[in-house]
Amino acid sequence: MPNNRKDRLSKQLGGECQACGSTGVPLEIHHIVPLSSGGTDDESNLTLLCPNCNRTIANRQFTEIEFNNYLSRILDSSNAFHDIRMEERLSSEKPFRADITAKSQDGKSWLIECKNASAFTPARLHQAINQIKAYKEATSFDYYVLAFPGLLSEEQKAALSSDQIVYWDAHELAVRFQNEIRNTRHSIFQMLLSSMAPSPKKTTEEEFIEKLKRCQPGKDYWSDYQKLVGQILEHLFCPPLEAPISESADQDKINRRDWILPNYSDKGFWSFLRIKYLADYIVVDAKNYKGAISKNQVLQIANYLKTHGAGMFAIIVTRAGANKSADLTIREQWMANKKMILVLNDEDIKVMLLAKSAGGEPEKVIGQAIERFRLSM
């Protein structure tokens, strides 16, 4: 990007980092709405950040209490809310404390439960819903809100609405508090939420979610589904993983897998996976079945996993998950052979795409799947 553009931005913005206010340090151009989310190179979509703030925003390095504090400041600056309180004790009988409570101008009371997430897996959303239900039983607020700086799928929104829980995801926060976000400085959230305002142009992740919905389950569409899974995995994880290798077979040409993603990462989650689970390669099968996969599909991919070959880690991506015989076989393969086989369904794929769209880490969905499996043993 031309230096004269950076010079113009520096003059317009006073030569300071627009997140932390630092001066006298090198500044970097930052896209408020990322190019991957439909942003442009127009100067109205550009700002200047110091290297530290730029990296912090890119890596979403913030804690839940930071988000709680920022949302509290937004509410405090809003004309729509007053009497903002944090960590208010809700019950004398149970140790419930609300992240934020507030009152709106119409006199209604609000309880806001904040989460630090870019997306929710089904299990994590279920936990959050149950937590808010417990608050409902112990209190009498007019509205109960789940707030977080990430994105929800339409199915997740419906699940929250069915339990009369209001949702403030990144899209909703960006629209509802547009002016407050613009005027409330924070090194991460101001940029992050400003970039999440809904756009008429579909993001790459939204396009993938629509393609996933349009792809019909069944053998007539197996190649379409296999290709789509490969494209999605490459978009989500490459880099740091290498581009997927398709239709890879072992030397005897007996065991063939749909996709192999080489894992040469030397840091972060993928490095941990490679060291802990011998995941030198991420072995993937895409099963476009109308129903759940069974024991046979697990054994097929297990036969490909070898310590001296592709490693001991695999993922089966399928439309409807696994049946009981498949679950039992997955447990047996782990206990007897230390082969880690995960099953991800359509909802898991959507959650990872939503995390990517929100600037989060889609690999956390894989980490949480491993966590659920290990803790259930």
Protein backbone atom coordinates (compact mmCIF):
# COMPACT_ATOMS: atom_id res chain seq x y z
CA MET A 1 0.00 0.00 0.00
CA PRO A 2 1.50 3.36 -1.00
CA ASN A 3 3.41 5.28 1.66
CA ASN A 4 1.58 8.50 0.76
CA ARG A 5 -1.68 6.84 1.84
CA LYS A 6 -0.11 6.01 5.20
CA ASP A 7 1.17 9.58 5.45
CA ARG A 8 -2.31 10.97 4.78
CA LEU A 9 -3.82 8.67 7.40
CA SER A 10 -1.15 9.72 9.91
CA LYS A 11 -2.01 13.40 9.40
CA GLN A 12 -5.75 12.74 9.64
CA LEU A 13 -5.40 10.61 12.79
CA GLY A 14 -2.84 12.73 14.61
CA GLY A 15 0.02 10.26 14.19
CA GLU A 16 -1.15 8.04 17.05
CA CYS A 17 -2.30 4.45 17.44
CA GLN A 18 -6.08 4.53 17.22
CA ALA A 19 -6.40 1.76 19.81
CA CYS A 20 -4.00 2.64 22.63
CA GLY A 21 -3.11 6.25 21.71
CA SER A 22 0.65 5.64 21.52
CA THR A 23 2.72 8.22 19.65
CA GLY A 24 6.30 8.21 18.45
CA VAL A 25 6.12 4.53 17.45
CA PRO A 26 5.91 2.89 14.00
CA LEU A 27 2.29 2.62 12.89
CA GLU A 28 0.73 -0.03 10.68
CA ILE A 29 -2.29 0.23 8.41
CA HIS A 30 -5.21 -1.84 9.68
CA HIS A 31 -8.46 -2.66 7.83
CA ILE A 32 -11.41 -1.90 10.11
CA VAL A 33 -13.61 -4.32 8.17
CA PRO A 34 -11.24 -7.12 7.09
CA LEU A 35 -10.88 -7.79 3.37
CA SER A 36 -12.02 -11.37 4.06
CA SER A 37 -15.29 -9.98 5.46
CA GLY A 38 -16.03 -7.71 2.51
CA GLY A 39 -13.92 -4.71 3.50
CA THR A 40 -12.10 -2.58 0.96
CA ASP A 41 -8.86 -0.63 0.63
CA ASP A 42 -10.78 2.63 0.69
CA GLU A 43 -9.32 5.05 3.23
CA SER A 44 -12.64 5.20 5.08
CA ASN A 45 -12.01 1.54 5.99
CA LEU A 46 -8.42 2.09 7.13
CA THR A 47 -6.89 3.12 10.40
CA LEU A 48 -3.45 3.09 12.03
CA LEU A 49 -2.34 0.85 14.88
CA CYS A 50 0.94 0.27 16.63
CA PRO A 51 2.45 -3.20 15.96
CA ASN A 52 1.44 -4.48 19.40
CA CYS A 53 -2.24 -3.52 19.02
CA ASN A 54 -2.31 -4.83 15.46
CA ARG A 55 -1.04 -8.24 16.59
CA THR A 56 -3.33 -8.26 19.61
CA ILE A 57 -6.39 -7.64 17.48
CA ALA A 58 -5.34 -10.21 14.89
CA ASN A 59 -4.84 -12.88 17.57
CA ARG A 60 -7.92 -11.96 19.66
CA GLN A 61 -5.80 -11.88 22.80
CA PHE A 62 -8.27 -10.76 25.43
CA THR A 63 -9.90 -12.16 28.54
CA GLU A 64 -13.56 -12.49 29.42
CA ILE A 65 -13.31 -9.82 32.10
CA GLU A 66 -11.97 -7.40 29.47
CA PHE A 67 -15.05 -8.02 27.37
CA ASN A 68 -17.30 -7.62 30.42
CA ASN A 69 -15.69 -4.29 31.25
CA TYR A 70 -15.93 -3.00 27.68
CA LEU A 71 -19.60 -3.96 27.35
CA SER A 72 -20.30 -2.29 30.69
CA ARG A 73 -18.67 0.92 29.39
CA ILE A 74 -20.76 0.74 26.22
CA LEU A 75 -23.96 0.37 28.22
CA ASP A 76 -22.92 3.18 30.55
CA SER A 77 -22.46 5.53 27.58
CA SER A 78 -25.77 4.52 25.99
CA ASN A 79 -28.90 6.59 26.41
CA ALA A 80 -30.92 3.39 26.31
CA PHE A 81 -29.56 1.97 29.59
CA HIS A 82 -28.77 3.15 33.11
CA ASP A 83 -27.94 1.75 36.57
CA ILE A 84 -25.19 -0.45 35.14
CA ARG A 85 -23.72 -2.87 37.66
CA MET A 86 -21.05 -5.56 37.41
CA GLU A 87 -20.74 -8.74 39.46
CA GLU A 88 -23.99 -8.10 41.32
CA ARG A 89 -24.92 -10.90 43.72
CA LEU A 90 -28.23 -12.38 42.58
CA SER A 91 -29.24 -14.75 45.35
CA SER A 92 -28.59 -15.07 49.04
CA GLU A 93 -29.19 -18.83 48.80
CA LYS A 94 -26.92 -19.61 45.82
CA PRO A 95 -23.55 -18.02 44.91
CA PHE A 96 -24.90 -16.45 41.73
CA ARG A 97 -23.28 -13.27 40.46
CA ALA A 98 -24.36 -11.58 37.26
CA ASP A 99 -21.68 -10.38 34.86
CA ILE A 100 -23.71 -7.23 34.17
CA THR A 101 -27.13 -5.97 35.23
CA ALA A 102 -28.83 -2.87 33.84
CA LYS A 103 -32.12 -1.09 33.45
CA SER A 104 -33.50 0.26 30.19
CA GLN A 105 -35.31 3.56 29.86
CA ASP A 106 -38.68 1.79 29.81
CA GLY A 107 -37.97 0.51 33.34
CA LYS A 108 -37.23 -3.08 32.31
CA SER A 109 -34.42 -4.97 34.06
CA TRP A 110 -31.70 -6.83 32.19
CA LEU A 111 -29.28 -9.58 33.22
CA ILE A 112 -26.37 -9.98 30.80
CA GLU A 113 -24.19 -13.09 30.83
CA CYS A 114 -20.91 -12.47 28.95
CA LYS A 115 -18.75 -15.10 27.28
CA ASN A 116 -15.33 -14.80 25.67
CA ALA A 117 -15.83 -16.78 22.46
CA SER A 118 -15.78 -16.32 18.71
CA ALA A 119 -18.37 -19.09 18.28
CA PHE A 120 -20.17 -21.72 20.34
CA THR A 121 -19.99 -25.45 19.90
CA PRO A 122 -23.34 -27.18 20.65
CA ALA A 123 -22.01 -28.39 24.01
CA ARG A 124 -20.75 -24.94 25.06
CA LEU A 125 -24.00 -23.26 24.00
CA HIS A 126 -25.96 -25.86 25.97
CA GLN A 127 -23.88 -25.03 29.05
CA ALA A 128 -24.51 -21.30 28.61
CA ILE A 129 -28.26 -21.83 28.20
CA ASN A 130 -28.42 -23.98 31.33
CA GLN A 131 -26.48 -21.35 33.26
CA ILE A 132 -28.94 -18.64 32.26
CA LYS A 133 -31.87 -20.92 33.06
CA ALA A 134 -30.46 -21.29 36.57
CA TYR A 135 -30.34 -17.49 36.84
CA LYS A 136 -33.98 -17.36 35.74
CA GLU A 137 -35.01 -19.73 38.50
CA ALA A 138 -33.26 -17.63 41.14
CA THR A 139 -34.15 -14.13 39.90
CA SER A 140 -36.90 -12.11 38.22
CA PHE A 141 -35.29 -9.93 35.55
CA ASP A 142 -37.35 -8.91 32.55
CA TYR A 143 -34.68 -9.89 30.02
CA TYR A 144 -31.82 -12.39 30.08
CA VAL A 145 -29.04 -11.83 27.56
CA LEU A 146 -26.15 -13.91 26.26
CA ALA A 147 -23.46 -11.50 25.00
CA PHE A 148 -20.20 -12.43 23.28
CA PRO A 149 -17.88 -11.00 20.59
CA GLY A 150 -18.50 -13.77 18.08
CA LEU A 151 -21.21 -15.10 15.79
CA LEU A 152 -24.18 -17.45 16.12
CA SER A 153 -25.70 -19.76 13.54
CA GLU A 154 -29.40 -19.47 12.73
CA GLU A 155 -30.02 -22.74 14.57
CA GLN A 156 -28.28 -21.39 17.67
CA LYS A 157 -30.30 -18.19 17.54
CA ALA A 158 -33.47 -20.26 17.36
CA ALA A 159 -32.37 -22.36 20.35
CA LEU A 160 -31.77 -19.24 22.47
CA SER A 161 -35.04 -17.64 21.38
CA SER A 162 -36.98 -20.81 22.26
CA ASP A 163 -35.72 -20.41 25.84
CA GLN A 164 -36.59 -16.67 25.85
CA ILE A 165 -32.92 -15.67 25.94
CA VAL A 166 -31.89 -12.52 24.10
CA TYR A 167 -28.66 -12.82 22.11
CA TRP A 168 -26.12 -10.08 21.57
CA ASP A 169 -23.52 -11.57 19.26
CA ALA A 170 -20.98 -9.43 17.39
CA HIS A 171 -23.45 -8.56 14.61
CA GLU A 172 -26.14 -7.52 17.08
CA LEU A 173 -23.70 -5.52 19.24
CA ALA A 174 -22.30 -3.74 16.17
CA VAL A 175 -25.80 -2.64 15.10
CA ARG A 176 -27.37 -1.95 18.50
CA PHE A 177 -24.40 0.03 19.88
CA GLN A 178 -22.83 1.45 16.74
CA ASN A 179 -22.33 4.98 18.10
CA GLU A 180 -21.22 3.81 21.54
CA ILE A 181 -18.60 1.46 20.04
CA ARG A 182 -17.30 4.26 17.82
CA ASN A 183 -16.78 6.49 20.86
CA THR A 184 -15.61 3.90 23.44
CA ARG A 185 -11.92 3.20 22.97
CA HIS A 186 -10.43 -0.23 23.48
CA SER A 187 -7.33 -1.74 21.86
CA ILE A 188 -9.31 -4.73 20.57
CA PHE A 189 -13.07 -4.48 20.93
CA GLN A 190 -13.56 -1.14 19.24
CA MET A 191 -11.93 -2.46 16.07
CA LEU A 192 -13.33 -5.97 16.35
CA LEU A 193 -16.97 -4.96 16.82
CA SER A 194 -16.77 -2.11 14.30
CA SER A 195 -15.70 -4.65 11.69
CA MET A 196 -18.64 -6.96 12.47
CA ALA A 197 -21.49 -4.79 11.28
CA PRO A 198 -23.59 -6.88 8.86
CA SER A 199 -22.71 -6.26 5.22
CA PRO A 200 -24.87 -6.85 2.12
CA LYS A 201 -21.88 -8.66 0.63
CA LYS A 202 -21.63 -12.25 1.84
CA THR A 203 -18.38 -13.29 3.49
CA THR A 204 -16.50 -16.35 2.28
CA GLU A 205 -17.63 -18.16 5.42
CA GLU A 206 -21.30 -17.33 4.78
CA GLU A 207 -20.96 -18.61 1.23
CA PHE A 208 -19.49 -21.88 2.49
CA ILE A 209 -22.35 -22.27 5.00
CA GLU A 210 -24.88 -21.79 2.20
CA LYS A 211 -23.08 -24.33 0.01
CA LEU A 212 -23.13 -26.80 2.90
CA LYS A 213 -26.88 -26.34 3.28
CA ARG A 214 -27.47 -26.79 -0.46
CA CYS A 215 -25.36 -29.96 -0.71
CA GLN A 216 -27.80 -32.85 -0.37
CA PRO A 217 -26.88 -35.88 1.76
CA GLY A 218 -26.64 -39.18 -0.08
CA LYS A 219 -24.37 -41.13 -2.42
CA ASP A 220 -25.48 -39.16 -5.50
CA TYR A 221 -23.67 -36.10 -4.10
CA TRP A 222 -20.69 -37.70 -2.37
CA SER A 223 -18.11 -36.09 -4.68
CA ASP A 224 -19.67 -32.63 -4.24
CA TYR A 225 -19.53 -33.03 -0.47
CA GLN A 226 -15.97 -34.36 -0.50
CA LYS A 227 -14.79 -31.43 -2.61
CA LEU A 228 -16.65 -28.91 -0.41
CA VAL A 229 -15.14 -30.36 2.79
CA GLY A 230 -11.66 -30.04 1.30
CA GLN A 231 -12.28 -26.42 0.32
CA ILE A 232 -13.63 -25.56 3.76
CA LEU A 233 -10.74 -27.19 5.61
CA GLU A 234 -8.23 -25.39 3.42
CA HIS A 235 -9.97 -22.06 4.08
CA LEU A 236 -10.11 -22.69 7.82
CA PHE A 237 -6.66 -24.09 8.50
CA CYS A 238 -4.25 -23.39 5.64
CA PRO A 239 -1.95 -21.89 6.73
CA PRO A 240 -0.64 -23.00 9.21
CA LEU A 241 -1.44 -26.44 7.76
CA GLU A 242 -0.37 -27.26 4.22
CA ALA A 243 -2.98 -27.48 1.46
CA PRO A 244 -5.02 -30.72 1.47
CA ILE A 245 -3.76 -33.68 -0.57
CA SER A 246 -6.73 -35.51 -2.10
CA GLU A 247 -7.44 -39.24 -2.48
CA SER A 248 -4.29 -40.45 -0.75
CA ALA A 249 -3.71 -44.22 -0.44
CA ASP A 250 -1.19 -46.30 1.49
CA GLN A 251 1.42 -48.46 -0.28
CA ASP A 252 -0.86 -51.51 -0.63
CA LYS A 253 -3.58 -49.35 -2.24
CA ILE A 254 -6.04 -50.87 0.22
CA ASN A 255 -6.68 -47.91 2.54
CA ARG A 256 -7.57 -44.67 0.77
CA ARG A 257 -8.51 -41.43 2.50
CA ASP A 258 -10.27 -38.36 1.10
CA TRP A 259 -7.93 -35.65 2.35
CA ILE A 260 -4.54 -35.43 4.05
CA LEU A 261 -3.41 -32.07 5.50
CA PRO A 262 0.34 -32.04 6.28
CA ASN A 263 1.06 -30.53 9.67
CA TYR A 264 4.50 -28.94 9.93
CA SER A 265 3.48 -26.33 12.50
CA ASP A 266 6.06 -25.64 15.22
CA LYS A 267 3.85 -23.60 17.53
CA GLY A 268 0.34 -23.28 18.87
CA PHE A 269 -2.52 -25.77 18.71
CA TRP A 270 -1.32 -27.71 15.68
CA SER A 271 2.13 -28.19 17.17
CA PHE A 272 0.51 -29.51 20.35
CA LEU A 273 -1.63 -31.86 18.27
CA ARG A 274 1.39 -33.13 16.35
CA ILE A 275 3.41 -33.79 19.51
CA LYS A 276 0.63 -35.14 21.74
CA TYR A 277 -1.39 -37.15 19.22
CA LEU A 278 1.25 -37.88 16.55
CA ALA A 279 -0.68 -35.71 14.11
CA ASP A 280 2.08 -35.19 11.55
CA TYR A 281 -0.76 -35.34 9.05
CA ILE A 282 -4.43 -34.57 9.60
CA VAL A 283 -6.26 -37.50 7.99
CA VAL A 284 -9.81 -36.65 6.88
CA ASP A 285 -12.72 -38.64 5.49
CA ALA A 286 -15.87 -36.91 4.23
CA LYS A 287 -18.99 -39.09 4.56
CA ASN A 288 -22.08 -37.70 2.85
CA TYR A 289 -24.42 -40.20 4.52
CA LYS A 290 -28.05 -39.37 5.24
CA GLY A 291 -27.75 -41.06 8.62
CA ALA A 292 -25.08 -41.44 11.27
CA ILE A 293 -21.85 -43.26 10.48
CA SER A 294 -21.27 -46.70 11.99
CA LYS A 295 -18.44 -48.90 13.23
CA ASN A 296 -17.27 -49.78 9.71
CA GLN A 297 -16.47 -46.18 8.77
CA VAL A 298 -14.41 -45.75 11.95
CA LEU A 299 -12.46 -48.94 11.28
CA GLN A 300 -11.78 -47.86 7.69
CA ILE A 301 -10.01 -44.69 8.77
CA ALA A 302 -8.37 -46.41 11.76
CA ASN A 303 -6.68 -48.87 9.38
CA TYR A 304 -4.95 -45.94 7.66
CA LEU A 305 -3.49 -44.56 10.90
CA LYS A 306 0.06 -45.78 11.60
CA THR A 307 2.83 -44.35 13.75
CA HIS A 308 5.32 -44.86 10.91
CA GLY A 309 2.90 -43.50 8.30
CA ALA A 310 0.36 -40.69 8.41
CA GLY A 311 0.29 -40.60 12.20
CA MET A 312 -2.44 -41.36 14.70
CA PHE A 313 -4.95 -38.55 14.30
CA ALA A 314 -8.01 -38.47 12.04
CA ILE A 315 -11.27 -36.62 11.51
CA ILE A 316 -14.46 -37.98 9.97
CA VAL A 317 -16.63 -35.16 8.64
CA THR A 318 -20.19 -36.34 8.24
CA ARG A 319 -23.69 -34.94 8.03
CA ALA A 320 -25.33 -36.52 11.07
CA GLY A 321 -22.60 -37.62 13.47
CA ALA A 322 -21.90 -41.15 14.74
CA ASN A 323 -24.10 -43.93 16.09
CA LYS A 324 -23.43 -45.89 19.29
CA SER A 325 -21.36 -48.60 17.60
CA ALA A 326 -19.14 -45.94 16.02
CA ASP A 327 -18.71 -44.15 19.35
CA LEU A 328 -17.75 -47.42 21.04
CA THR A 329 -15.24 -48.23 18.30
CA ILE A 330 -13.69 -44.76 18.58
CA ARG A 331 -13.18 -45.36 22.31
CA GLU A 332 -11.67 -48.78 21.67
CA GLN A 333 -9.25 -47.37 19.09
CA TRP A 334 -8.06 -44.74 21.55
CA MET A 335 -7.70 -47.05 24.54
CA ALA A 336 -6.10 -49.96 22.67
CA ASN A 337 -4.11 -48.25 19.94
CA LYS A 338 -3.86 -44.56 20.93
CA LYS A 339 -5.58 -43.58 17.68
CA MET A 340 -7.52 -40.34 18.10
CA ILE A 341 -10.51 -40.23 15.75
CA LEU A 342 -12.93 -37.31 15.91
CA VAL A 343 -16.35 -37.05 14.26
CA LEU A 344 -17.48 -33.58 13.20
CA ASN A 345 -20.95 -32.89 11.81
CA ASP A 346 -22.50 -30.04 9.82
CA GLU A 347 -23.06 -27.94 12.93
CA ASP A 348 -19.40 -28.27 13.96
CA ILE A 349 -18.32 -27.11 10.49
CA LYS A 350 -20.66 -24.12 10.67
CA VAL A 351 -19.35 -23.20 14.11
CA MET A 352 -15.77 -23.27 12.82
CA LEU A 353 -16.72 -21.07 9.86
CA LEU A 354 -18.47 -18.61 12.18
CA ALA A 355 -15.37 -18.51 14.40
CA LYS A 356 -13.22 -17.77 11.36
CA SER A 357 -15.62 -15.03 10.24
CA ALA A 358 -15.44 -13.43 13.69
CA GLY A 359 -11.65 -13.40 13.63
CA GLY A 360 -11.43 -16.28 16.08
CA GLU A 361 -9.67 -19.62 16.08
CA PRO A 362 -11.73 -22.37 14.42
CA GLU A 363 -9.28 -25.01 15.62
CA LYS A 364 -10.68 -24.48 19.13
CA VAL A 365 -13.73 -26.49 18.02
CA ILE A 366 -11.40 -29.43 17.40
CA GLY A 367 -9.72 -28.83 20.75
CA GLN A 368 -13.09 -28.82 22.51
CA ALA A 369 -14.10 -32.05 20.75
CA ILE A 370 -10.93 -33.71 22.06
CA GLU A 371 -11.61 -32.26 25.49
CA ARG A 372 -15.16 -33.65 25.59
CA PHE A 373 -13.93 -37.06 24.45
CA ARG A 374 -11.06 -37.29 26.93
CA LEU A 375 -13.13 -36.10 29.89
CA SER A 376 -15.88 -38.63 29.08
CA MET A 377 -13.50 -41.60 29.37
